[in-house]
């Protein structure tokens, strides 16, 4: 789970999308550079207000197909998680290590 605070800095009430992307910089498998893990839409936020969005992504989302073993598996190592409204607009980054 990743929780994100979202502040409406605009002049009108609005909603937005918060997306969680993941990547594995050093991977034994062929992967896309950045993959969408999960996303959520905020409720309507009034100007100046803040809301917290919790994104839940199962660890199995990190898996890739291992052709040598013939199975889907989560590769151990460091993963980078990024938060943003889309894959280009990065608002926050964190790293996790899978053992």
N, C-alpha and C. Protein backbone atom coordinates (compact mmCIF):
# COMPACT_ATOMS: atom_id res chain seq x y z
N UNK A 1 0.84 -1.18 0.00
CA UNK A 1 0.00 0.00 0.00
C UNK A 1 0.88 1.25 0.00
N UNK A 2 0.47 2.22 -0.78
CA UNK A 2 1.15 3.51 -0.81
C UNK A 2 0.08 4.58 -0.63
N UNK A 3 0.26 5.45 0.38
CA UNK A 3 -0.69 6.54 0.62
C UNK A 3 -0.09 7.85 0.14
N UNK A 4 -0.93 8.64 -0.52
CA UNK A 4 -0.49 9.90 -1.12
C UNK A 4 -1.45 11.00 -0.72
N UNK A 5 -0.92 12.14 -0.29
CA UNK A 5 -1.75 13.31 0.00
C UNK A 5 -1.88 14.13 -1.28
N UNK A 6 -3.11 14.53 -1.58
CA UNK A 6 -3.39 15.32 -2.78
C UNK A 6 -4.04 16.63 -2.34
N UNK A 7 -3.44 17.75 -2.76
CA UNK A 7 -3.93 19.07 -2.40
C UNK A 7 -4.49 19.75 -3.65
N UNK A 8 -5.66 20.33 -3.52
CA UNK A 8 -6.24 21.11 -4.61
C UNK A 8 -5.72 22.53 -4.49
N UNK A 9 -4.80 22.91 -5.37
CA UNK A 9 -4.23 24.26 -5.35
C UNK A 9 -4.95 25.18 -6.32
N UNK A 10 -5.97 24.67 -6.98
CA UNK A 10 -6.72 25.46 -7.95
C UNK A 10 -7.82 26.28 -7.31
N UNK A 11 -8.59 26.95 -8.17
CA UNK A 11 -9.67 27.82 -7.71
C UNK A 11 -11.03 27.15 -7.74
N UNK A 12 -11.10 25.92 -8.32
CA UNK A 12 -12.38 25.21 -8.43
C UNK A 12 -12.27 23.82 -7.82
N UNK A 13 -13.38 23.29 -7.36
CA UNK A 13 -13.41 21.90 -6.89
C UNK A 13 -13.12 20.99 -8.06
N UNK A 14 -12.34 19.95 -7.82
CA UNK A 14 -11.99 19.05 -8.93
C UNK A 14 -11.56 17.69 -8.41
N UNK A 15 -11.42 16.77 -9.35
CA UNK A 15 -10.91 15.43 -9.09
C UNK A 15 -9.64 15.26 -9.91
N UNK A 16 -8.84 14.27 -9.55
CA UNK A 16 -7.66 13.96 -10.35
C UNK A 16 -7.38 12.46 -10.24
N UNK A 17 -6.49 11.99 -11.06
CA UNK A 17 -6.06 10.58 -11.03
C UNK A 17 -4.68 10.53 -10.41
N UNK A 18 -4.46 9.55 -9.53
CA UNK A 18 -3.16 9.28 -8.94
C UNK A 18 -2.76 7.89 -9.40
N UNK A 19 -1.60 7.80 -10.04
CA UNK A 19 -1.14 6.51 -10.58
C UNK A 19 0.17 6.08 -9.94
N UNK A 20 0.32 4.78 -9.76
CA UNK A 20 1.54 4.18 -9.22
C UNK A 20 2.18 3.35 -10.32
N UNK A 21 3.41 3.71 -10.68
CA UNK A 21 4.16 2.99 -11.71
C UNK A 21 5.33 2.28 -11.04
N UNK A 22 5.81 1.20 -11.66
CA UNK A 22 6.96 0.50 -11.13
C UNK A 22 7.93 0.17 -12.25
N UNK A 23 9.21 0.04 -11.87
CA UNK A 23 10.24 -0.37 -12.83
C UNK A 23 11.28 -1.18 -12.08
N UNK A 24 12.02 -1.97 -12.82
CA UNK A 24 13.11 -2.79 -12.25
C UNK A 24 14.35 -2.47 -13.06
N UNK A 25 15.17 -1.53 -12.57
CA UNK A 25 16.34 -1.08 -13.33
C UNK A 25 17.30 -2.21 -13.75
N UNK A 26 17.56 -3.16 -12.87
CA UNK A 26 18.45 -4.27 -13.19
C UNK A 26 17.64 -5.57 -13.17
N UNK A 27 17.18 -5.98 -14.35
CA UNK A 27 16.32 -7.15 -14.44
C UNK A 27 16.94 -8.20 -15.35
N UNK A 28 16.69 -9.45 -15.02
CA UNK A 28 17.12 -10.56 -15.87
C UNK A 28 16.13 -10.80 -17.00
N UNK A 29 14.97 -10.15 -16.92
CA UNK A 29 13.91 -10.36 -17.90
C UNK A 29 13.73 -9.11 -18.76
N UNK A 30 13.18 -9.30 -19.93
CA UNK A 30 12.84 -8.18 -20.79
C UNK A 30 11.58 -7.54 -20.21
N UNK A 31 11.66 -6.25 -19.92
CA UNK A 31 10.55 -5.52 -19.32
C UNK A 31 10.44 -4.16 -19.99
N UNK A 32 9.25 -3.58 -19.88
CA UNK A 32 9.09 -2.19 -20.28
C UNK A 32 9.83 -1.32 -19.28
N UNK A 33 10.21 -0.12 -19.68
CA UNK A 33 10.94 0.79 -18.80
C UNK A 33 10.12 1.13 -17.55
N UNK A 34 8.82 1.39 -17.74
CA UNK A 34 7.94 1.76 -16.63
C UNK A 34 6.57 1.13 -16.87
N UNK A 35 6.02 0.51 -15.83
CA UNK A 35 4.74 -0.19 -15.97
C UNK A 35 3.74 0.34 -14.95
N UNK A 36 2.48 0.43 -15.36
CA UNK A 36 1.42 0.87 -14.47
C UNK A 36 1.08 -0.24 -13.49
N UNK A 37 1.19 0.08 -12.20
CA UNK A 37 0.85 -0.89 -11.16
C UNK A 37 -0.61 -0.79 -10.77
N UNK A 38 -1.06 0.43 -10.51
CA UNK A 38 -2.45 0.66 -10.13
C UNK A 38 -2.72 2.16 -10.19
N UNK A 39 -3.99 2.52 -10.10
CA UNK A 39 -4.35 3.93 -10.08
C UNK A 39 -5.67 4.10 -9.35
N UNK A 40 -5.97 5.34 -8.97
CA UNK A 40 -7.24 5.65 -8.29
C UNK A 40 -7.60 7.09 -8.62
N UNK A 41 -8.89 7.36 -8.61
CA UNK A 41 -9.37 8.72 -8.81
C UNK A 41 -9.74 9.29 -7.45
N UNK A 42 -9.39 10.54 -7.22
CA UNK A 42 -9.73 11.17 -5.96
C UNK A 42 -11.21 11.50 -5.92
N UNK A 43 -11.75 11.70 -4.73
CA UNK A 43 -13.10 12.27 -4.64
C UNK A 43 -13.00 13.75 -5.04
N UNK A 44 -14.11 14.42 -5.11
CA UNK A 44 -14.13 15.85 -5.40
C UNK A 44 -13.43 16.60 -4.25
N UNK A 45 -12.42 17.39 -4.60
CA UNK A 45 -11.64 18.12 -3.60
C UNK A 45 -11.92 19.61 -3.78
N UNK A 46 -12.31 20.26 -2.69
CA UNK A 46 -12.57 21.70 -2.73
C UNK A 46 -11.25 22.47 -2.78
N UNK A 47 -11.25 23.68 -3.31
CA UNK A 47 -10.02 24.48 -3.36
C UNK A 47 -9.38 24.61 -1.97
N UNK A 48 -8.08 24.36 -1.90
CA UNK A 48 -7.35 24.45 -0.64
C UNK A 48 -7.42 23.23 0.24
N UNK A 49 -8.31 22.28 -0.07
CA UNK A 49 -8.45 21.07 0.75
C UNK A 49 -7.46 19.99 0.32
N UNK A 50 -7.26 19.05 1.22
CA UNK A 50 -6.36 17.92 0.99
C UNK A 50 -7.11 16.63 1.23
N UNK A 51 -6.81 15.61 0.43
CA UNK A 51 -7.36 14.27 0.65
C UNK A 51 -6.22 13.27 0.54
N UNK A 52 -6.40 12.12 1.17
CA UNK A 52 -5.39 11.06 1.09
C UNK A 52 -5.93 9.93 0.24
N UNK A 53 -5.13 9.50 -0.71
CA UNK A 53 -5.48 8.38 -1.58
C UNK A 53 -4.54 7.23 -1.25
N UNK A 54 -5.09 6.05 -0.99
CA UNK A 54 -4.27 4.86 -0.74
C UNK A 54 -4.36 3.95 -1.95
N UNK A 55 -3.20 3.67 -2.53
CA UNK A 55 -3.11 2.79 -3.70
C UNK A 55 -2.63 1.43 -3.22
N UNK A 56 -3.35 0.39 -3.60
CA UNK A 56 -2.99 -0.98 -3.23
C UNK A 56 -2.55 -1.74 -4.47
N UNK A 57 -1.35 -2.29 -4.41
CA UNK A 57 -0.81 -3.06 -5.54
C UNK A 57 -0.29 -4.39 -5.00
N UNK A 58 -0.85 -5.50 -5.45
CA UNK A 58 -0.35 -6.80 -4.99
C UNK A 58 1.08 -7.04 -5.50
N UNK A 59 1.88 -7.71 -4.70
CA UNK A 59 3.27 -8.00 -5.06
C UNK A 59 3.36 -8.79 -6.37
N UNK A 60 2.33 -9.56 -6.67
CA UNK A 60 2.34 -10.35 -7.91
C UNK A 60 2.35 -9.46 -9.16
N UNK A 61 1.99 -8.20 -9.00
CA UNK A 61 2.02 -7.26 -10.13
C UNK A 61 3.45 -7.06 -10.63
N UNK A 62 4.46 -7.30 -9.77
CA UNK A 62 5.86 -7.15 -10.13
C UNK A 62 6.41 -8.34 -10.91
N UNK A 63 5.61 -9.36 -11.10
CA UNK A 63 6.10 -10.60 -11.71
C UNK A 63 6.34 -10.46 -13.22
N UNK A 64 7.20 -11.34 -13.70
CA UNK A 64 7.49 -11.44 -15.13
C UNK A 64 7.59 -12.92 -15.47
N UNK A 65 7.45 -13.26 -16.74
CA UNK A 65 7.53 -14.66 -17.12
C UNK A 65 8.98 -15.08 -17.26
N UNK A 66 9.37 -16.11 -16.50
CA UNK A 66 10.71 -16.68 -16.53
C UNK A 66 10.71 -17.82 -17.54
N UNK A 67 11.33 -17.60 -18.70
CA UNK A 67 11.31 -18.62 -19.77
C UNK A 67 12.14 -19.85 -19.39
N UNK A 68 13.16 -19.68 -18.55
CA UNK A 68 13.98 -20.82 -18.13
C UNK A 68 13.21 -21.76 -17.21
N UNK A 69 12.40 -21.19 -16.32
CA UNK A 69 11.60 -21.99 -15.40
C UNK A 69 10.22 -22.30 -15.94
N UNK A 70 9.81 -21.54 -16.96
CA UNK A 70 8.49 -21.75 -17.55
C UNK A 70 7.35 -21.31 -16.64
N UNK A 71 7.60 -20.23 -15.85
CA UNK A 71 6.58 -19.77 -14.92
C UNK A 71 6.67 -18.26 -14.69
N UNK A 72 5.58 -17.72 -14.22
CA UNK A 72 5.53 -16.32 -13.82
C UNK A 72 6.11 -16.22 -12.43
N UNK A 73 7.03 -15.26 -12.19
CA UNK A 73 7.59 -15.11 -10.85
C UNK A 73 8.05 -13.68 -10.61
N UNK A 74 8.14 -13.34 -9.33
CA UNK A 74 8.63 -12.04 -8.91
C UNK A 74 10.14 -12.16 -8.73
N UNK A 75 10.86 -11.39 -9.51
CA UNK A 75 12.32 -11.42 -9.45
C UNK A 75 12.81 -10.64 -8.22
N UNK A 76 13.68 -11.23 -7.41
CA UNK A 76 14.22 -10.51 -6.25
C UNK A 76 15.05 -9.30 -6.71
N UNK A 77 15.15 -8.31 -5.82
CA UNK A 77 15.98 -7.14 -6.11
C UNK A 77 15.25 -5.85 -5.88
N UNK A 78 15.87 -4.76 -6.32
CA UNK A 78 15.34 -3.41 -6.10
C UNK A 78 14.37 -3.01 -7.20
N UNK A 79 13.27 -2.40 -6.80
CA UNK A 79 12.26 -1.87 -7.71
C UNK A 79 12.08 -0.38 -7.39
N UNK A 80 11.80 0.40 -8.39
CA UNK A 80 11.51 1.81 -8.21
C UNK A 80 10.02 2.03 -8.41
N UNK A 81 9.38 2.70 -7.46
CA UNK A 81 7.96 3.05 -7.56
C UNK A 81 7.86 4.55 -7.76
N UNK A 82 7.03 4.98 -8.70
CA UNK A 82 6.82 6.40 -8.92
C UNK A 82 5.33 6.72 -8.85
N UNK A 83 5.02 7.90 -8.37
CA UNK A 83 3.65 8.38 -8.25
C UNK A 83 3.50 9.58 -9.17
N UNK A 84 2.39 9.66 -9.86
CA UNK A 84 2.12 10.81 -10.70
C UNK A 84 0.74 10.73 -11.29
N UNK A 85 0.38 11.74 -12.08
CA UNK A 85 -0.90 11.72 -12.77
C UNK A 85 -0.80 10.92 -14.06
N UNK A 86 0.43 10.74 -14.55
CA UNK A 86 0.69 9.92 -15.73
C UNK A 86 2.13 9.42 -15.65
N UNK A 87 2.58 8.69 -16.64
CA UNK A 87 3.90 8.07 -16.58
C UNK A 87 5.06 9.06 -16.73
N UNK A 88 4.79 10.26 -17.23
CA UNK A 88 5.83 11.26 -17.43
C UNK A 88 5.94 12.21 -16.25
N UNK A 89 4.81 12.60 -15.69
CA UNK A 89 4.73 13.58 -14.61
C UNK A 89 4.99 12.90 -13.27
N UNK A 90 6.25 12.82 -12.84
CA UNK A 90 6.61 12.14 -11.60
C UNK A 90 6.54 13.11 -10.44
N UNK A 91 5.69 12.81 -9.47
CA UNK A 91 5.51 13.67 -8.30
C UNK A 91 6.21 13.10 -7.05
N UNK A 92 6.57 11.83 -7.09
CA UNK A 92 7.25 11.21 -5.97
C UNK A 92 7.85 9.87 -6.38
N UNK A 93 8.94 9.49 -5.74
CA UNK A 93 9.63 8.25 -6.05
C UNK A 93 10.04 7.56 -4.76
N UNK A 94 9.96 6.24 -4.75
CA UNK A 94 10.48 5.47 -3.64
C UNK A 94 11.00 4.14 -4.16
N UNK A 95 11.88 3.53 -3.39
CA UNK A 95 12.45 2.24 -3.77
C UNK A 95 12.04 1.17 -2.77
N UNK A 96 11.84 -0.03 -3.27
CA UNK A 96 11.58 -1.19 -2.42
C UNK A 96 12.52 -2.31 -2.83
N UNK A 97 12.80 -3.20 -1.91
CA UNK A 97 13.63 -4.36 -2.21
C UNK A 97 12.81 -5.61 -1.92
N UNK A 98 12.74 -6.48 -2.91
CA UNK A 98 12.04 -7.77 -2.78
C UNK A 98 13.10 -8.83 -2.54
N UNK A 99 12.95 -9.61 -1.46
CA UNK A 99 13.94 -10.61 -1.10
C UNK A 99 13.74 -11.94 -1.73
